[in-house]
Amino acid sequence: MFFESESDKSILAELGGRVRQLRLRKNLTQQQLAERTLLSLNTIKSLEVGRAKLATLVAVLRELGELSSLEVFLPDPGISPMQLAKRKGKVRQRATGSRGGGFGDDGGSNSGHSGDVEW
């Protein structure tokens, strides 16, 4: 699947479907997974259709033994050597924000998304 051309909703549905496939590969019912992760059955169902919080995803991936998938999913970007040299070895602590219109220009809003971290 090429995520670049997909809507947010379809990407979330795809990720939820992949979590479902991982669960089925482990031969677990949604109820069993809910019990093992101490989450509700409805939370597991929501995750599998792409409506869940990141904390839910982490708990489920941990239980399924797939937590290392997050490293591939979103690798640590590190710091570029140029930035490190420019800052004389000091690690950047915050962003300055954009000045030419675009992301971050509206006080942190992301295209109408709330500040709640969900996927």
C-alpha atoms as a PDB file:
ATOM      1  CA  MET A   1       0.000   0.000   0.000  1.00  0.00           C
ATOM      2  CA  PHE A   2       1.280   3.453  -0.879  1.00  0.00           C
ATOM      3  CA  PHE A   3       0.315   5.642   2.065  1.00  0.00           C
ATOM      4  CA  GLU A   4       1.198   8.922   0.354  1.00  0.00           C
ATOM      5  CA  SER A   5      -1.892   8.809  -1.841  1.00  0.00           C
ATOM      6  CA  GLU A   6      -4.299   7.608   0.856  1.00  0.00           C
ATOM      7  CA  SER A   7      -6.532   9.602   3.187  1.00  0.00           C
ATOM      8  CA  ASP A   8      -5.833   9.621   6.920  1.00  0.00           C
ATOM      9  CA  LYS A   9      -8.928   7.500   7.488  1.00  0.00           C
ATOM     10  CA  SER A  10      -7.867   4.801   5.028  1.00  0.00           C
ATOM     11  CA  ILE A  11      -4.343   4.694   6.455  1.00  0.00           C
ATOM     12  CA  LEU A  12      -5.730   4.225   9.955  1.00  0.00           C
ATOM     13  CA  ALA A  13      -8.044   1.482   8.722  1.00  0.00           C
ATOM     14  CA  GLU A  14      -5.089  -0.243   7.054  1.00  0.00           C
ATOM     15  CA  LEU A  15      -3.004  -0.071  10.243  1.00  0.00           C
ATOM     16  CA  GLY A  16      -5.921  -1.437  12.255  1.00  0.00           C
ATOM     17  CA  GLY A  17      -6.311  -4.276   9.776  1.00  0.00           C
ATOM     18  CA  ARG A  18      -2.636  -5.116  10.108  1.00  0.00           C
ATOM     19  CA  VAL A  19      -2.972  -5.272  13.890  1.00  0.00           C
ATOM     20  CA  ARG A  20      -5.944  -7.603  13.392  1.00  0.00           C
ATOM     21  CA  GLN A  21      -3.843  -9.856  11.156  1.00  0.00           C
ATOM     22  CA  LEU A  22      -1.103  -9.966  13.824  1.00  0.00           C
ATOM     23  CA  ARG A  23      -3.705 -10.973  16.416  1.00  0.00           C
ATOM     24  CA  LEU A  24      -5.094 -13.699  14.172  1.00  0.00           C
ATOM     25  CA  ARG A  25      -1.600 -14.980  13.412  1.00  0.00           C
ATOM     26  CA  LYS A  26      -1.168 -15.457  17.180  1.00  0.00           C
ATOM     27  CA  ASN A  27      -4.548 -17.261  17.187  1.00  0.00           C
ATOM     28  CA  LEU A  28      -6.079 -14.906  19.731  1.00  0.00           C
ATOM     29  CA  THR A  29      -9.664 -13.730  19.892  1.00  0.00           C
ATOM     30  CA  GLN A  30     -10.357 -10.052  20.477  1.00  0.00           C
ATOM     31  CA  GLN A  31     -11.604 -10.976  23.958  1.00  0.00           C
ATOM     32  CA  GLN A  32      -8.395 -12.867  24.804  1.00  0.00           C
ATOM     33  CA  LEU A  33      -6.271  -9.951  23.639  1.00  0.00           C
ATOM     34  CA  ALA A  34      -8.394  -7.540  25.654  1.00  0.00           C
ATOM     35  CA  GLU A  35      -7.914  -9.632  28.784  1.00  0.00           C
ATOM     36  CA  ARG A  36      -4.156  -9.980  28.261  1.00  0.00           C
ATOM     37  CA  THR A  37      -3.674  -6.239  27.714  1.00  0.00           C
ATOM     38  CA  LEU A  38      -6.158  -5.188  30.412  1.00  0.00           C
ATOM     39  CA  LEU A  39      -8.062  -3.225  27.782  1.00  0.00           C
ATOM     40  CA  SER A  40     -11.773  -3.437  27.022  1.00  0.00           C
ATOM     41  CA  LEU A  41     -13.130  -5.502  24.153  1.00  0.00           C
ATOM     42  CA  ASN A  42     -14.488  -2.305  22.592  1.00  0.00           C
ATOM     43  CA  THR A  43     -11.001  -0.764  22.715  1.00  0.00           C
ATOM     44  CA  ILE A  44      -9.571  -3.740  20.803  1.00  0.00           C
ATOM     45  CA  LYS A  45     -12.400  -3.529  18.276  1.00  0.00           C
ATOM     46  CA  SER A  46     -11.772   0.203  17.820  1.00  0.00           C
ATOM     47  CA  LEU A  47      -8.054  -0.414  17.316  1.00  0.00           C
ATOM     48  CA  GLU A  48      -8.723  -2.934  14.582  1.00  0.00           C
ATOM     49  CA  VAL A  49     -10.814  -0.473  12.589  1.00  0.00           C
ATOM     50  CA  GLY A  50      -8.294   2.347  12.995  1.00  0.00           C
ATOM     51  CA  ARG A  51      -9.816   4.304  15.868  1.00  0.00           C
ATOM     52  CA  ALA A  52      -7.555   4.037  18.901  1.00  0.00           C
ATOM     53  CA  LYS A  53      -4.983   5.916  20.916  1.00  0.00           C
ATOM     54  CA  LEU A  54      -1.268   5.328  20.532  1.00  0.00           C
ATOM     55  CA  ALA A  55      -1.103   3.901  24.067  1.00  0.00           C
ATOM     56  CA  THR A  56      -3.522   1.187  22.958  1.00  0.00           C
ATOM     57  CA  LEU A  57      -1.381   0.370  19.938  1.00  0.00           C
ATOM     58  CA  VAL A  58       1.742   0.091  22.094  1.00  0.00           C
ATOM     59  CA  ALA A  59       0.021  -2.175  24.650  1.00  0.00           C
ATOM     60  CA  VAL A  60      -1.310  -4.483  21.942  1.00  0.00           C
ATOM     61  CA  LEU A  61       1.968  -4.662  20.026  1.00  0.00           C
ATOM     62  CA  ARG A  62       3.755  -5.467  23.298  1.00  0.00           C
ATOM     63  CA  GLU A  63       1.363  -8.344  24.012  1.00  0.00           C
ATOM     64  CA  LEU A  64       1.657  -9.669  20.456  1.00  0.00           C
ATOM     65  CA  GLY A  65       5.455  -9.589  20.664  1.00  0.00           C
ATOM     66  CA  GLU A  66       5.652  -7.038  17.859  1.00  0.00           C
ATOM     67  CA  LEU A  67       6.881  -3.955  19.710  1.00  0.00           C
ATOM     68  CA  SER A  68      10.044  -3.919  17.604  1.00  0.00           C
ATOM     69  CA  SER A  69       7.799  -3.136  14.613  1.00  0.00           C
ATOM     70  CA  LEU A  70       7.620   0.424  15.900  1.00  0.00           C
ATOM     71  CA  GLU A  71      11.309   0.910  15.116  1.00  0.00           C
ATOM     72  CA  VAL A  72      10.598   0.142  11.462  1.00  0.00           C
ATOM     73  CA  PHE A  73       7.318   2.075  11.533  1.00  0.00           C
ATOM     74  CA  LEU A  74       8.879   5.266  12.848  1.00  0.00           C
ATOM     75  CA  PRO A  75      12.675   5.075  13.142  1.00  0.00           C
ATOM     76  CA  ASP A  76      14.600   7.504  15.327  1.00  0.00           C
ATOM     77  CA  PRO A  77      15.491  10.415  13.022  1.00  0.00           C
ATOM     78  CA  GLY A  78      18.504  11.358  15.116  1.00  0.00           C
ATOM     79  CA  ILE A  79      20.148  14.719  14.589  1.00  0.00           C
ATOM     80  CA  SER A  80      21.879  15.735  11.400  1.00  0.00           C
ATOM     81  CA  PRO A  81      25.634  16.343  11.631  1.00  0.00           C
ATOM     82  CA  MET A  82      25.098  19.841  10.203  1.00  0.00           C
ATOM     83  CA  GLN A  83      22.585  20.752  12.921  1.00  0.00           C
ATOM     84  CA  LEU A  84      24.881  19.359  15.604  1.00  0.00           C
ATOM     85  CA  ALA A  85      27.824  21.411  14.330  1.00  0.00           C
ATOM     86  CA  LYS A  86      25.680  24.522  14.004  1.00  0.00           C
ATOM     87  CA  ARG A  87      24.470  24.181  17.589  1.00  0.00           C
ATOM     88  CA  LYS A  88      27.986  23.434  18.871  1.00  0.00           C
ATOM     89  CA  GLY A  89      27.042  20.013  20.220  1.00  0.00           C
ATOM     90  CA  LYS A  90      23.862  21.117  22.003  1.00  0.00           C
ATOM     91  CA  VAL A  91      20.759  19.042  21.260  1.00  0.00           C
ATOM     92  CA  ARG A  92      17.750  21.035  20.044  1.00  0.00           C
ATOM     93  CA  GLN A  93      15.003  21.327  22.655  1.00  0.00           C
ATOM     94  CA  ARG A  94      12.160  22.981  20.720  1.00  0.00           C
ATOM     95  CA  ALA A  95      11.056  24.140  17.284  1.00  0.00           C
ATOM     96  CA  THR A  96      11.008  27.776  16.223  1.00  0.00           C
ATOM     97  CA  GLY A  97       7.826  27.383  14.168  1.00  0.00           C
ATOM     98  CA  SER A  98       7.308  28.275  10.535  1.00  0.00           C
ATOM     99  CA  ARG A  99       7.195  31.847   9.375  1.00  0.00           C
ATOM    100  CA  GLY A 100       5.914  31.569   5.826  1.00  0.00           C
ATOM    101  CA  GLY A 101       2.488  30.043   6.316  1.00  0.00           C
ATOM    102  CA  GLY A 102       2.088  26.325   6.579  1.00  0.00           C
ATOM    103  CA  PHE A 103       2.216  23.741   9.300  1.00  0.00           C
ATOM    104  CA  GLY A 104       2.531  25.209  12.765  1.00  0.00           C
ATOM    105  CA  ASP A 105       1.517  28.689  11.667  1.00  0.00           C
ATOM    106  CA  ASP A 106      -1.875  28.518  13.359  1.00  0.00           C
ATOM    107  CA  GLY A 107      -0.772  28.001  16.926  1.00  0.00           C
ATOM    108  CA  GLY A 108      -0.116  24.279  16.686  1.00  0.00           C
ATOM    109  CA  SER A 109      -3.236  23.183  14.880  1.00  0.00           C
ATOM    110  CA  ASN A 110      -2.756  20.383  12.371  1.00  0.00           C
ATOM    111  CA  SER A 111      -5.400  20.683   9.665  1.00  0.00           C
ATOM    112  CA  GLY A 112      -8.256  20.626  12.126  1.00  0.00           C
ATOM    113  CA  HIS A 113      -6.901  17.709  14.154  1.00  0.00           C
ATOM    114  CA  SER A 114      -7.196  17.950  17.907  1.00  0.00           C
ATOM    115  CA  GLY A 115      -4.159  17.905  20.173  1.00  0.00           C
ATOM    116  CA  ASP A 116      -5.171  14.428  21.360  1.00  0.00           C
ATOM    117  CA  VAL A 117      -2.709  11.878  20.018  1.00  0.00           C
ATOM    118  CA  GLU A 118      -4.785   9.262  18.292  1.00  0.00           C
ATOM    119  CA  TRP A 119      -4.429   7.271  15.113  1.00  0.00           C
END
